[in-house]
Amino acid sequence: MALDQRQRIALTVVVAVVVVVAAGYVGLRESFALTMLPTDTRVSLGKTMPVAPSGPVFEAVRTAIEETSQGSTRGTATGKLVARGDMAGAGKPGGRMSAVKGKLTLRAGKPERKYRQRLLFDTVISIGFNDVDGDGRVDAWYSLAGKRQTLVAWGDGQGRFTGKQILRHESPGGAATSDDPVAFVDLDKDGKLDLVFQAGGAEGAAKPAGSHFWAKLEKARK
């Protein structure tokens, strides 16, 4: 039976909707939320200690933090953060992570996989790629402003991520400050990365001298 013009239009619309839904479903299957990765506790944080407000150690901490936050006082509240990492040890950037307007996107691997994270009420203040657990494979991480926590996604060396861990860092004495930019650097030169962060007051407030802290990263006991 031949279709009249109205029926043909209706059929065309239905087919278009099916195509769009199917394409969206495929996209969702290929997109992974970082927070949905299984929890895998690999490291623990030691005692939080202050960094002297001057000297080479302070300069190393400040430089590392400026790189992960790219000089932005509030990350994606004022601009876009971008980080690139060598995910497969080939000496070339194989991963790219960006945070802008409440959305964090991580692309890595061949074929490329996309990891996304919607952050409706949070602001990404620092992002980066480091071998956080010291297994020779690059991991991806991001830190939220004022949350006093950093999410680390464990890399497998091929651009995929097998699990996550949330590192919670507090200012000594439970000071009522918001922990802002974070970085990973071997501060004590023992061959292992340490977590460093800058604790500040309200958004836009000046950071007081001596507001930088660090904590050793140790292998977690299973």
N, C-alpha and C. Protein backbone atom coordinates (compact mmCIF):
# COMPACT_ATOMS: atom_id res chain seq x y z
N MET A 1 0.85 -1.20 0.00
CA MET A 1 0.00 0.00 0.00
C MET A 1 0.88 1.24 0.00
N ALA A 2 0.61 2.13 -0.92
CA ALA A 2 1.40 3.34 -1.03
C ALA A 2 1.11 4.28 0.13
N LEU A 3 2.16 4.95 0.61
CA LEU A 3 2.00 5.90 1.71
C LEU A 3 1.74 7.30 1.16
N ASP A 4 0.82 8.00 1.83
CA ASP A 4 0.60 9.37 1.40
C ASP A 4 1.71 10.25 1.98
N GLN A 5 1.71 11.52 1.63
CA GLN A 5 2.79 12.42 2.02
C GLN A 5 2.90 12.55 3.53
N ARG A 6 1.77 12.63 4.23
CA ARG A 6 1.78 12.77 5.68
C ARG A 6 2.40 11.54 6.34
N GLN A 7 2.06 10.37 5.85
CA GLN A 7 2.62 9.14 6.41
C GLN A 7 4.12 9.02 6.14
N ARG A 8 4.54 9.46 4.95
CA ARG A 8 5.96 9.43 4.63
C ARG A 8 6.76 10.34 5.54
N ILE A 9 6.20 11.51 5.83
CA ILE A 9 6.87 12.46 6.73
C ILE A 9 6.97 11.86 8.14
N ALA A 10 5.87 11.25 8.60
CA ALA A 10 5.87 10.64 9.93
C ALA A 10 6.89 9.51 10.01
N LEU A 11 6.97 8.69 8.97
CA LEU A 11 7.93 7.59 8.95
C LEU A 11 9.37 8.10 8.95
N THR A 12 9.60 9.17 8.20
CA THR A 12 10.93 9.77 8.15
C THR A 12 11.36 10.28 9.53
N VAL A 13 10.42 10.90 10.24
CA VAL A 13 10.70 11.42 11.58
C VAL A 13 11.04 10.27 12.53
N VAL A 14 10.26 9.18 12.46
CA VAL A 14 10.49 8.03 13.34
C VAL A 14 11.86 7.43 13.07
N VAL A 15 12.21 7.26 11.80
CA VAL A 15 13.52 6.71 11.45
C VAL A 15 14.64 7.60 11.96
N ALA A 16 14.48 8.92 11.82
CA ALA A 16 15.50 9.86 12.28
C ALA A 16 15.69 9.77 13.78
N VAL A 17 14.58 9.65 14.51
CA VAL A 17 14.66 9.53 15.97
C VAL A 17 15.39 8.25 16.37
N VAL A 18 15.06 7.15 15.70
CA VAL A 18 15.72 5.88 15.99
C VAL A 18 17.22 5.97 15.75
N VAL A 19 17.62 6.62 14.66
CA VAL A 19 19.04 6.77 14.34
C VAL A 19 19.75 7.60 15.40
N VAL A 20 19.13 8.70 15.82
CA VAL A 20 19.73 9.56 16.83
C VAL A 20 19.88 8.82 18.15
N VAL A 21 18.83 8.10 18.56
CA VAL A 21 18.88 7.36 19.82
C VAL A 21 19.96 6.28 19.76
N ALA A 22 20.02 5.57 18.63
CA ALA A 22 21.02 4.52 18.49
C ALA A 22 22.43 5.09 18.55
N ALA A 23 22.64 6.23 17.87
CA ALA A 23 23.96 6.86 17.89
C ALA A 23 24.32 7.31 19.30
N GLY A 24 23.34 7.84 20.02
CA GLY A 24 23.59 8.25 21.39
C GLY A 24 23.91 7.08 22.29
N TYR A 25 23.24 5.95 22.05
CA TYR A 25 23.51 4.76 22.85
C TYR A 25 24.92 4.25 22.63
N VAL A 26 25.34 4.22 21.37
CA VAL A 26 26.71 3.81 21.06
C VAL A 26 27.70 4.74 21.71
N GLY A 27 27.41 6.05 21.67
CA GLY A 27 28.31 7.03 22.29
C GLY A 27 28.43 6.81 23.78
N LEU A 28 27.29 6.48 24.43
CA LEU A 28 27.31 6.24 25.86
C LEU A 28 28.11 4.98 26.18
N ARG A 29 28.00 3.99 25.33
CA ARG A 29 28.75 2.76 25.57
C ARG A 29 30.25 3.00 25.47
N GLU A 30 30.64 3.96 24.66
CA GLU A 30 32.05 4.23 24.47
C GLU A 30 32.57 5.30 25.42
N SER A 31 31.69 5.85 26.22
CA SER A 31 32.07 6.89 27.17
C SER A 31 31.98 6.34 28.58
N PHE A 32 33.02 6.49 29.36
CA PHE A 32 33.07 5.93 30.69
C PHE A 32 33.19 7.05 31.73
N ALA A 33 32.38 6.98 32.77
CA ALA A 33 32.46 7.97 33.85
C ALA A 33 33.56 7.56 34.81
N LEU A 34 34.46 8.48 35.11
CA LEU A 34 35.57 8.17 36.00
C LEU A 34 35.10 7.70 37.37
N THR A 35 34.02 8.30 37.86
CA THR A 35 33.56 7.93 39.20
C THR A 35 32.94 6.54 39.24
N MET A 36 32.65 5.96 38.06
CA MET A 36 32.07 4.62 38.02
C MET A 36 33.12 3.53 38.02
N LEU A 37 34.40 3.90 37.93
CA LEU A 37 35.46 2.90 38.00
C LEU A 37 35.43 2.24 39.38
N PRO A 38 35.77 0.96 39.47
CA PRO A 38 35.78 0.28 40.77
C PRO A 38 36.84 0.88 41.70
N THR A 39 36.54 0.89 42.98
CA THR A 39 37.49 1.41 43.96
C THR A 39 38.67 0.46 44.12
N ASP A 40 39.86 1.01 44.03
CA ASP A 40 41.09 0.22 44.14
C ASP A 40 42.10 1.01 44.96
N THR A 41 42.17 0.73 46.25
CA THR A 41 43.03 1.48 47.16
C THR A 41 44.48 0.99 47.03
N ARG A 42 45.33 1.84 46.50
CA ARG A 42 46.73 1.45 46.27
C ARG A 42 47.72 2.24 47.11
N VAL A 43 47.35 3.45 47.50
CA VAL A 43 48.27 4.28 48.26
C VAL A 43 47.57 4.87 49.48
N SER A 44 48.35 5.30 50.43
CA SER A 44 47.82 5.99 51.61
C SER A 44 48.62 7.27 51.83
N LEU A 45 48.00 8.21 52.47
CA LEU A 45 48.66 9.49 52.75
C LEU A 45 49.21 9.49 54.17
N GLY A 46 50.46 9.93 54.28
CA GLY A 46 51.06 10.06 55.59
C GLY A 46 50.64 11.35 56.27
N LYS A 47 51.33 11.70 57.31
CA LYS A 47 51.02 12.90 58.08
C LYS A 47 51.21 14.15 57.23
N THR A 48 50.24 15.06 57.32
CA THR A 48 50.33 16.32 56.60
C THR A 48 51.27 17.27 57.32
N MET A 49 52.21 17.84 56.57
CA MET A 49 53.20 18.73 57.16
C MET A 49 53.27 20.04 56.38
N PRO A 50 53.56 21.14 57.07
CA PRO A 50 53.64 22.43 56.36
C PRO A 50 54.93 22.56 55.57
N VAL A 51 54.88 23.37 54.54
CA VAL A 51 56.06 23.72 53.76
C VAL A 51 56.50 25.12 54.16
N ALA A 52 57.79 25.27 54.45
CA ALA A 52 58.31 26.59 54.82
C ALA A 52 57.96 27.59 53.72
N PRO A 53 57.57 28.83 54.09
CA PRO A 53 57.08 29.81 53.10
C PRO A 53 58.16 30.44 52.23
N SER A 54 59.36 29.89 52.21
CA SER A 54 60.42 30.41 51.34
C SER A 54 61.46 29.32 51.15
N GLY A 55 62.32 29.52 50.15
CA GLY A 55 63.38 28.56 49.91
C GLY A 55 63.09 27.68 48.71
N PRO A 56 64.03 26.80 48.34
CA PRO A 56 63.89 25.97 47.13
C PRO A 56 62.74 24.98 47.19
N VAL A 57 62.44 24.44 48.38
CA VAL A 57 61.33 23.50 48.49
C VAL A 57 60.01 24.21 48.21
N PHE A 58 59.86 25.39 48.80
CA PHE A 58 58.65 26.18 48.56
C PHE A 58 58.50 26.52 47.09
N GLU A 59 59.58 26.90 46.42
CA GLU A 59 59.53 27.25 45.00
C GLU A 59 59.15 26.03 44.16
N ALA A 60 59.65 24.85 44.54
CA ALA A 60 59.31 23.63 43.81
C ALA A 60 57.82 23.31 43.93
N VAL A 61 57.29 23.48 45.15
CA VAL A 61 55.87 23.24 45.38
C VAL A 61 55.02 24.24 44.60
N ARG A 62 55.37 25.50 44.69
CA ARG A 62 54.60 26.53 44.01
C ARG A 62 54.61 26.34 42.50
N THR A 63 55.76 25.97 41.94
CA THR A 63 55.87 25.75 40.50
C THR A 63 55.00 24.57 40.06
N ALA A 64 55.06 23.48 40.83
CA ALA A 64 54.26 22.30 40.49
C ALA A 64 52.77 22.60 40.54
N ILE A 65 52.35 23.36 41.53
CA ILE A 65 50.93 23.70 41.67
C ILE A 65 50.49 24.64 40.55
N GLU A 66 51.34 25.57 40.17
CA GLU A 66 50.99 26.48 39.07
C GLU A 66 50.81 25.71 37.77
N GLU A 67 51.59 24.65 37.58
CA GLU A 67 51.47 23.86 36.36
C GLU A 67 50.17 23.07 36.31
N THR A 68 49.75 22.50 37.44
CA THR A 68 48.52 21.70 37.43
C THR A 68 47.27 22.56 37.39
N SER A 69 47.36 23.78 37.91
CA SER A 69 46.20 24.68 37.89
C SER A 69 46.34 25.76 36.83
N GLN A 70 47.49 25.79 36.15
CA GLN A 70 47.76 26.74 35.07
C GLN A 70 47.51 28.18 35.48
N GLY A 71 47.83 28.46 36.74
CA GLY A 71 47.74 29.84 37.21
C GLY A 71 46.34 30.32 37.50
N SER A 72 45.34 29.47 37.29
CA SER A 72 43.96 29.89 37.53
C SER A 72 43.65 29.80 39.01
N THR A 73 43.01 30.83 39.56
CA THR A 73 42.70 30.82 40.98
C THR A 73 41.54 29.89 41.29
N ARG A 74 40.71 29.62 40.31
CA ARG A 74 39.57 28.75 40.56
C ARG A 74 39.27 27.84 39.39
N GLY A 75 40.31 27.36 38.75
CA GLY A 75 40.13 26.37 37.70
C GLY A 75 39.11 26.75 36.65
N THR A 76 38.11 25.93 36.48
CA THR A 76 37.14 26.13 35.42
C THR A 76 36.14 27.25 35.71
N ALA A 77 36.21 27.83 36.90
CA ALA A 77 35.33 28.97 37.15
C ALA A 77 35.79 30.18 36.33
N THR A 78 37.05 30.21 35.96
CA THR A 78 37.57 31.36 35.23
C THR A 78 38.15 30.99 33.88
N GLY A 79 38.28 29.71 33.58
CA GLY A 79 38.88 29.34 32.32
C GLY A 79 38.87 27.84 32.11
N LYS A 80 39.78 27.38 31.28
CA LYS A 80 39.85 25.98 30.91
C LYS A 80 41.19 25.39 31.33
N LEU A 81 41.15 24.21 31.93
CA LEU A 81 42.36 23.50 32.32
C LEU A 81 42.62 22.37 31.32
N VAL A 82 43.85 22.22 30.90
CA VAL A 82 44.21 21.16 29.97
C VAL A 82 45.51 20.51 30.44
N ALA A 83 45.55 19.18 30.42
CA ALA A 83 46.77 18.44 30.77
C ALA A 83 46.99 17.34 29.75
N ARG A 84 48.26 17.04 29.47
CA ARG A 84 48.61 15.97 28.53
C ARG A 84 49.60 15.03 29.19
N GLY A 85 49.47 13.74 28.90
CA GLY A 85 50.34 12.77 29.53
C GLY A 85 50.77 11.66 28.59
N ASP A 86 51.93 11.08 28.88
CA ASP A 86 52.47 9.95 28.12
C ASP A 86 51.88 8.68 28.72
N MET A 87 50.82 8.17 28.13
CA MET A 87 50.08 7.07 28.73
C MET A 87 50.69 5.71 28.49
N ALA A 88 51.50 5.58 27.43
CA ALA A 88 52.02 4.26 27.08
C ALA A 88 53.54 4.18 27.16
N GLY A 89 54.17 5.19 27.74
CA GLY A 89 55.61 5.17 27.91
C GLY A 89 56.38 5.29 26.62
N ALA A 90 55.77 5.88 25.60
CA ALA A 90 56.42 6.00 24.30
C ALA A 90 57.12 7.34 24.12
N GLY A 91 57.08 8.15 25.15
CA GLY A 91 57.73 9.46 25.06
C GLY A 91 56.92 10.51 24.35
N LYS A 92 55.70 10.17 23.97
CA LYS A 92 54.82 11.11 23.30
C LYS A 92 53.50 11.19 24.06
N PRO A 93 52.91 12.40 24.14
CA PRO A 93 51.63 12.52 24.84
C PRO A 93 50.58 11.62 24.22
N GLY A 94 50.02 10.71 25.01
CA GLY A 94 49.00 9.82 24.51
C GLY A 94 47.67 10.00 25.21
N GLY A 95 47.59 10.96 26.11
CA GLY A 95 46.35 11.23 26.83
C GLY A 95 46.14 12.72 26.94
N ARG A 96 44.90 13.11 26.92
CA ARG A 96 44.56 14.53 27.04
C ARG A 96 43.35 14.67 27.94
N MET A 97 43.47 15.52 28.95
CA MET A 97 42.38 15.76 29.88
C MET A 97 42.08 17.24 29.92
N SER A 98 40.80 17.58 29.86
CA SER A 98 40.41 18.98 29.91
C SER A 98 39.22 19.15 30.85
N ALA A 99 39.15 20.30 31.47
CA ALA A 99 38.04 20.61 32.37
C ALA A 99 37.55 22.02 32.04
N VAL A 100 36.27 22.12 31.72
CA VAL A 100 35.69 23.43 31.39
C VAL A 100 34.18 23.36 31.59
N LYS A 101 33.66 24.40 32.20
CA LYS A 101 32.21 24.57 32.37
C LYS A 101 31.52 23.34 32.95
N GLY A 102 32.04 22.84 34.05
CA GLY A 102 31.38 21.75 34.74
C GLY A 102 31.49 20.39 34.09
N LYS A 103 32.40 20.25 33.12
CA LYS A 103 32.57 18.95 32.46
C LYS A 103 34.04 18.63 32.33
N LEU A 104 34.43 17.44 32.79
CA LEU A 104 35.80 16.98 32.66
C LEU A 104 35.83 15.85 31.63
N THR A 105 36.74 15.95 30.67
CA THR A 105 36.84 14.95 29.60
C THR A 105 38.27 14.44 29.52
N LEU A 106 38.42 13.11 29.48
CA LEU A 106 39.72 12.47 29.38
C LEU A 106 39.72 11.55 28.17
N ARG A 107 40.65 11.77 27.26
CA ARG A 107 40.78 10.93 26.07
C ARG A 107 42.15 10.24 26.11
N ALA A 108 42.16 8.93 25.91
CA ALA A 108 43.42 8.20 25.96
C ALA A 108 43.27 6.86 25.26
N GLY A 109 44.43 6.30 24.86
CA GLY A 109 44.46 4.96 24.30
C GLY A 109 44.27 4.92 22.79
N LYS A 110 44.64 3.79 22.21
CA LYS A 110 44.43 3.52 20.78
C LYS A 110 43.84 2.12 20.63
N PRO A 111 42.59 1.98 20.15
CA PRO A 111 41.71 3.08 19.77
C PRO A 111 41.35 3.94 20.97
N GLU A 112 41.07 5.18 20.69
CA GLU A 112 40.86 6.15 21.75
C GLU A 112 39.59 5.86 22.54
N ARG A 113 39.71 5.96 23.84
CA ARG A 113 38.56 5.86 24.73
C ARG A 113 38.31 7.21 25.37
N LYS A 114 37.07 7.47 25.62
CA LYS A 114 36.71 8.76 26.21
C LYS A 114 36.11 8.52 27.60
N TYR A 115 36.63 9.25 28.57
CA TYR A 115 36.12 9.21 29.92
C TYR A 115 35.57 10.60 30.25
N ARG A 116 34.38 10.63 30.80
CA ARG A 116 33.76 11.92 31.10
C ARG A 116 33.34 11.98 32.56
N GLN A 117 33.22 13.19 33.04
CA GLN A 117 32.70 13.39 34.39
C GLN A 117 31.96 14.71 34.44
N ARG A 118 30.67 14.67 34.72
CA ARG A 118 29.87 15.87 34.89
C ARG A 118 30.03 16.37 36.32
N LEU A 119 30.28 17.66 36.47
CA LEU A 119 30.50 18.26 37.78
C LEU A 119 29.57 19.46 37.90
N LEU A 120 28.32 19.19 38.21
CA LEU A 120 27.31 20.24 38.17
C LEU A 120 27.54 21.33 39.21
N PHE A 121 27.96 20.94 40.40
CA PHE A 121 28.09 21.91 41.47
C PHE A 121 29.53 22.04 41.98
N ASP A 122 30.48 21.45 41.28
CA ASP A 122 31.87 21.47 41.71
C ASP A 122 32.74 22.14 40.66
N THR A 123 33.91 22.58 41.11
CA THR A 123 34.88 23.21 40.22
C THR A 123 36.19 22.44 40.26
N VAL A 124 36.67 22.02 39.09
CA VAL A 124 37.98 21.37 39.01
C VAL A 124 39.05 22.43 39.17
N ILE A 125 39.94 22.25 40.13
CA ILE A 125 40.98 23.25 40.39
C ILE A 125 42.34 22.81 39.88
N SER A 126 42.58 21.48 39.80
CA SER A 126 43.86 20.96 39.31
C SER A 126 43.63 19.65 38.58
N ILE A 127 44.39 19.42 37.51
CA ILE A 127 44.35 18.15 36.81
C ILE A 127 45.77 17.78 36.38
N GLY A 128 46.01 16.49 36.16
CA GLY A 128 47.35 16.12 35.73
C GLY A 128 47.51 14.64 35.49
N PHE A 129 48.68 14.26 34.98
CA PHE A 129 49.06 12.88 34.75
C PHE A 129 50.35 12.61 35.51
N ASN A 130 50.35 11.60 36.36
CA ASN A 130 51.54 11.19 37.10
C ASN A 130 51.45 9.70 37.40
N ASP A 131 52.59 9.06 37.65
CA ASP A 131 52.60 7.69 38.13
C ASP A 131 52.46 7.74 39.65
N VAL A 132 51.23 7.89 40.11
CA VAL A 132 50.98 8.15 41.52
C VAL A 132 51.35 6.96 42.40
N ASP A 133 51.07 5.73 41.96
CA ASP A 133 51.33 4.57 42.80
C ASP A 133 52.68 3.92 42.54
N GLY A 134 53.48 4.50 41.63
CA GLY A 134 54.83 4.02 41.41
C GLY A 134 54.94 2.67 40.74
N ASP A 135 53.94 2.29 39.92
CA ASP A 135 54.00 0.99 39.24
C ASP A 135 54.53 1.10 37.82
N GLY A 136 55.03 2.27 37.44
CA GLY A 136 55.58 2.46 36.11
C GLY A 136 54.54 2.80 35.06
N ARG A 137 53.30 2.98 35.45
CA ARG A 137 52.22 3.31 34.53
C ARG A 137 51.61 4.65 34.92
N VAL A 138 51.36 5.48 33.93
CA VAL A 138 50.87 6.83 34.19
C VAL A 138 49.39 6.80 34.58
N ASP A 139 49.05 7.53 35.62
CA ASP A 139 47.68 7.64 36.10
C ASP A 139 47.16 9.06 35.82
N ALA A 140 45.86 9.20 35.81
CA ALA A 140 45.23 10.52 35.62
C ALA A 140 44.55 10.92 36.92
N TRP A 141 44.50 12.20 37.19
CA TRP A 141 43.87 12.65 38.43
C TRP A 141 43.29 14.05 38.29
N TYR A 142 42.33 14.35 39.14
CA TYR A 142 41.80 15.72 39.21
C TYR A 142 41.40 16.02 40.65
N SER A 143 41.43 17.31 40.98
CA SER A 143 41.12 17.76 42.33
C SER A 143 40.02 18.83 42.25
N LEU A 144 39.08 18.77 43.19
CA LEU A 144 37.97 19.71 43.23
C LEU A 144 38.22 20.81 44.25
N ALA A 145 37.89 22.03 43.89
CA ALA A 145 38.08 23.17 44.78
C ALA A 145 37.21 23.03 46.02
N GLY A 146 37.85 23.19 47.17
CA GLY A 146 37.11 23.20 48.42
C GLY A 146 36.64 21.85 48.91
N LYS A 147 36.92 20.76 48.19
CA LYS A 147 36.45 19.43 48.59
C LYS A 147 37.46 18.65 49.42
N ARG A 148 38.72 19.10 49.42
CA ARG A 148 39.78 18.43 50.16
C ARG A 148 39.95 16.98 49.73
N GLN A 149 39.78 16.74 48.44
CA GLN A 149 39.96 15.38 47.94
C GLN A 149 40.39 15.41 46.48
N THR A 150 41.16 14.38 46.10
CA THR A 150 41.66 14.24 44.74
C THR A 150 41.34 12.84 44.26
N LEU A 151 40.70 12.73 43.10
CA LEU A 151 40.39 11.43 42.52
C LEU A 151 41.50 11.02 41.58
N VAL A 152 42.05 9.82 41.81
CA VAL A 152 43.10 9.26 40.96
C VAL A 152 42.53 8.07 40.19
N ALA A 153 42.67 8.08 38.86
CA ALA A 153 42.25 6.95 38.03
C ALA A 153 43.50 6.16 37.66
N TRP A 154 43.54 4.87 38.01
CA TRP A 154 44.73 4.06 37.83
C TRP A 154 44.88 3.62 36.38
N GLY A 155 45.99 4.02 35.74
CA GLY A 155 46.25 3.67 34.35
C GLY A 155 46.85 2.29 34.20
N ASP A 156 46.59 1.65 33.06
CA ASP A 156 47.15 0.32 32.80
C ASP A 156 48.31 0.35 31.82
N GLY A 157 48.76 1.55 31.44
CA GLY A 157 49.87 1.68 30.51
C GLY A 157 49.46 1.66 29.06
N GLN A 158 48.17 1.43 28.78
CA GLN A 158 47.67 1.38 27.41
C GLN A 158 46.58 2.41 27.16
N GLY A 159 46.45 3.37 28.08
CA GLY A 159 45.44 4.39 27.90
C GLY A 159 44.08 4.03 28.47
N ARG A 160 44.01 2.91 29.21
CA ARG A 160 42.77 2.54 29.86
C ARG A 160 42.94 2.68 31.37
N PHE A 161 41.82 2.71 32.08
CA PHE A 161 41.87 2.89 33.53
C PHE A 161 41.08 1.79 34.20
N THR A 162 41.69 1.16 35.19
CA THR A 162 41.13 -0.04 35.80
C THR A 162 40.48 0.18 37.15
N GLY A 163 40.68 1.34 37.73
CA GLY A 163 40.10 1.60 39.04
C GLY A 163 40.37 3.03 39.47
N LYS A 164 39.88 3.37 40.63
CA LYS A 164 40.04 4.74 41.13
C LYS A 164 40.28 4.72 42.63
N GLN A 165 40.83 5.81 43.12
CA GLN A 165 40.96 6.02 44.56
C GLN A 165 40.81 7.49 44.85
N ILE A 166 40.12 7.81 45.92
CA ILE A 166 39.97 9.20 46.34
C ILE A 166 40.92 9.46 47.50
N LEU A 167 41.85 10.39 47.31
CA LEU A 167 42.78 10.78 48.35
C LEU A 167 42.21 11.98 49.09
N ARG A 168 42.05 11.86 50.37
CA ARG A 168 41.49 12.95 51.18
C ARG A 168 42.62 13.62 51.97
N HIS A 169 42.76 14.91 51.75
CA HIS A 169 43.85 15.65 52.40
C HIS A 169 43.27 16.77 53.25
N GLU A 170 43.77 16.89 54.45
CA GLU A 170 43.29 17.89 55.41
C GLU A 170 44.43 18.79 55.84
N SER A 171 44.11 20.03 56.12
CA SER A 171 45.10 20.93 56.69
C SER A 171 45.37 20.53 58.13
N PRO A 172 46.61 20.68 58.60
CA PRO A 172 46.93 20.31 59.99
C PRO A 172 46.03 21.03 60.98
N GLY A 173 45.58 20.29 61.99
CA GLY A 173 44.75 20.89 63.02
C GLY A 173 43.31 21.10 62.60
N GLY A 174 42.94 20.61 61.40
CA GLY A 174 41.56 20.76 60.95
C GLY A 174 41.18 22.20 60.71
N ALA A 175 42.14 23.01 60.27
CA ALA A 175 41.87 24.43 60.03
C ALA A 175 40.72 24.61 59.06
N ALA A 176 39.91 25.61 59.29
CA ALA A 176 38.73 25.87 58.46
C ALA A 176 39.14 26.56 57.16
N THR A 177 39.87 25.84 56.34
CA THR A 177 40.29 26.38 55.05
C THR A 177 39.89 25.41 53.96
N SER A 178 39.83 25.91 52.74
CA SER A 178 39.53 25.03 51.62
C SER A 178 40.82 24.67 50.92
N ASP A 179 41.05 23.38 50.75
CA ASP A 179 42.25 22.93 50.07
C ASP A 179 42.05 23.13 48.58
N ASP A 180 42.89 23.93 47.98
CA ASP A 180 42.70 24.31 46.59
C ASP A 180 43.62 23.53 45.66
N PRO A 181 44.56 24.17 44.95
CA PRO A 181 45.35 23.44 43.96
C PRO A 181 46.19 22.31 44.56
N VAL A 182 46.34 21.24 43.79
CA VAL A 182 47.07 20.06 44.21
C VAL A 182 48.11 19.72 43.15
N ALA A 183 49.20 19.05 43.55
CA ALA A 183 50.19 18.55 42.60
C ALA A 183 50.88 17.34 43.22
N PHE A 184 51.55 16.56 42.39
CA PHE A 184 52.34 15.43 42.86
C PHE A 184 53.79 15.67 42.47
N VAL A 185 54.68 15.64 43.47
CA VAL A 185 56.09 15.92 43.23
C VAL A 185 56.91 15.17 44.28
N ASP A 186 58.09 14.73 43.91
CA ASP A 186 58.97 14.05 44.86
C ASP A 186 59.67 15.11 45.70
N LEU A 187 59.00 15.52 46.75
CA LEU A 187 59.48 16.65 47.54
C LEU A 187 60.69 16.28 48.40
N ASP A 188 60.71 15.08 48.95
CA ASP A 188 61.81 14.69 49.85
C ASP A 188 62.90 13.89 49.14
N LYS A 189 62.80 13.80 47.80
CA LYS A 189 63.84 13.17 46.97
C LYS A 189 64.12 11.72 47.38
N ASP A 190 63.06 10.97 47.67
CA ASP A 190 63.24 9.55 48.01
C ASP A 190 62.83 8.63 46.86
N GLY A 191 62.58 9.22 45.69
CA GLY A 191 62.19 8.43 44.52
C GLY A 191 60.71 8.14 44.44
N LYS A 192 59.92 8.66 45.37
CA LYS A 192 58.47 8.45 45.37
C LYS A 192 57.77 9.79 45.37
N LEU A 193 56.63 9.85 44.68
CA LEU A 193 55.88 11.10 44.63
C LEU A 193 55.22 11.39 45.98
N ASP A 194 55.12 12.67 46.28
CA ASP A 194 54.39 13.15 47.45
C ASP A 194 53.24 14.02 46.96
N LEU A 195 52.20 14.15 47.77
CA LEU A 195 51.09 15.03 47.44
C LEU A 195 51.32 16.38 48.10
N VAL A 196 51.22 17.44 47.31
CA VAL A 196 51.36 18.79 47.85
C VAL A 196 50.10 19.57 47.51
N PHE A 197 49.72 20.46 48.39
CA PHE A 197 48.53 21.27 48.11
C PHE A 197 48.65 22.63 48.78
N GLN A 198 47.82 23.53 48.30
CA GLN A 198 47.79 24.89 48.81
C GLN A 198 46.45 25.11 49.48
N ALA A 199 46.46 25.45 50.75
CA ALA A 199 45.23 25.67 51.49
C ALA A 199 44.97 27.16 51.57
N GLY A 200 43.78 27.55 51.15
CA GLY A 200 43.43 28.97 51.18
C GLY A 200 42.10 29.19 51.85
N GLY A 201 41.72 30.44 51.98
CA GLY A 201 40.46 30.76 52.62
C GLY A 201 39.33 30.80 51.62
N ALA A 202 38.46 31.79 51.75
CA ALA A 202 37.32 31.90 50.86
C ALA A 202 37.78 32.17 49.43
N GLU A 203 36.90 31.88 48.49
CA GLU A 203 37.24 32.07 47.08
C GLU A 203 37.68 33.50 46.82
N GLY A 204 38.81 33.64 46.16
CA GLY A 204 39.31 34.97 45.84
C GLY A 204 40.18 35.57 46.92
N ALA A 205 40.22 34.94 48.09
CA ALA A 205 41.03 35.48 49.18
C ALA A 205 42.50 35.19 48.93
N ALA A 206 43.34 36.07 49.46
CA ALA A 206 44.79 35.89 49.29
C ALA A 206 45.25 34.68 50.09
N LYS A 207 46.25 33.97 49.56
CA LYS A 207 46.79 32.82 50.27
C LYS A 207 47.84 33.29 51.27
N PRO A 208 47.65 33.02 52.55
CA PRO A 208 48.62 33.47 53.54
C PRO A 208 49.93 32.73 53.43
N ALA A 209 51.01 33.35 53.90
CA ALA A 209 52.31 32.70 53.90
C ALA A 209 52.25 31.44 54.75
N GLY A 210 52.93 30.40 54.29
CA GLY A 210 52.92 29.15 55.04
C GLY A 210 51.68 28.32 54.83
N SER A 211 50.93 28.58 53.75
CA SER A 211 49.69 27.85 53.52
C SER A 211 49.87 26.67 52.58
N HIS A 212 51.11 26.28 52.31
CA HIS A 212 51.38 25.11 51.49
C HIS A 212 51.71 23.90 52.38
N PHE A 213 51.18 22.73 51.99
CA PHE A 213 51.37 21.53 52.80
C PHE A 213 51.74 20.35 51.91
N TRP A 214 52.27 19.31 52.53
CA TRP A 214 52.60 18.11 51.77
C TRP A 214 52.42 16.87 52.64
N ALA A 215 52.23 15.74 51.97
CA ALA A 215 52.07 14.47 52.68
C ALA A 215 52.69 13.37 51.84
N LYS A 216 53.38 12.45 52.47
CA LYS A 216 54.01 11.35 51.77
C LYS A 216 52.96 10.36 51.26
N LEU A 217 53.23 9.81 50.09
CA LEU A 217 52.41 8.74 49.54
C LEU A 217 53.08 7.41 49.82
N GLU A 218 52.37 6.52 50.43
CA GLU A 218 52.91 5.20 50.75
C GLU A 218 52.02 4.12 50.14
N LYS A 219 52.61 2.95 49.90
CA LYS A 219 51.83 1.83 49.42
C LYS A 219 50.80 1.45 50.48
N ALA A 220 49.56 1.27 50.05
CA ALA A 220 48.52 0.88 51.00
C ALA A 220 48.70 -0.57 51.40
N ARG A 221 48.40 -0.86 52.65
CA ARG A 221 48.46 -2.23 53.13
C ARG A 221 47.20 -2.97 52.73
N LYS A 222 47.38 -4.09 52.06
CA LYS A 222 46.24 -4.88 51.61
C LYS A 222 45.72 -5.78 52.73
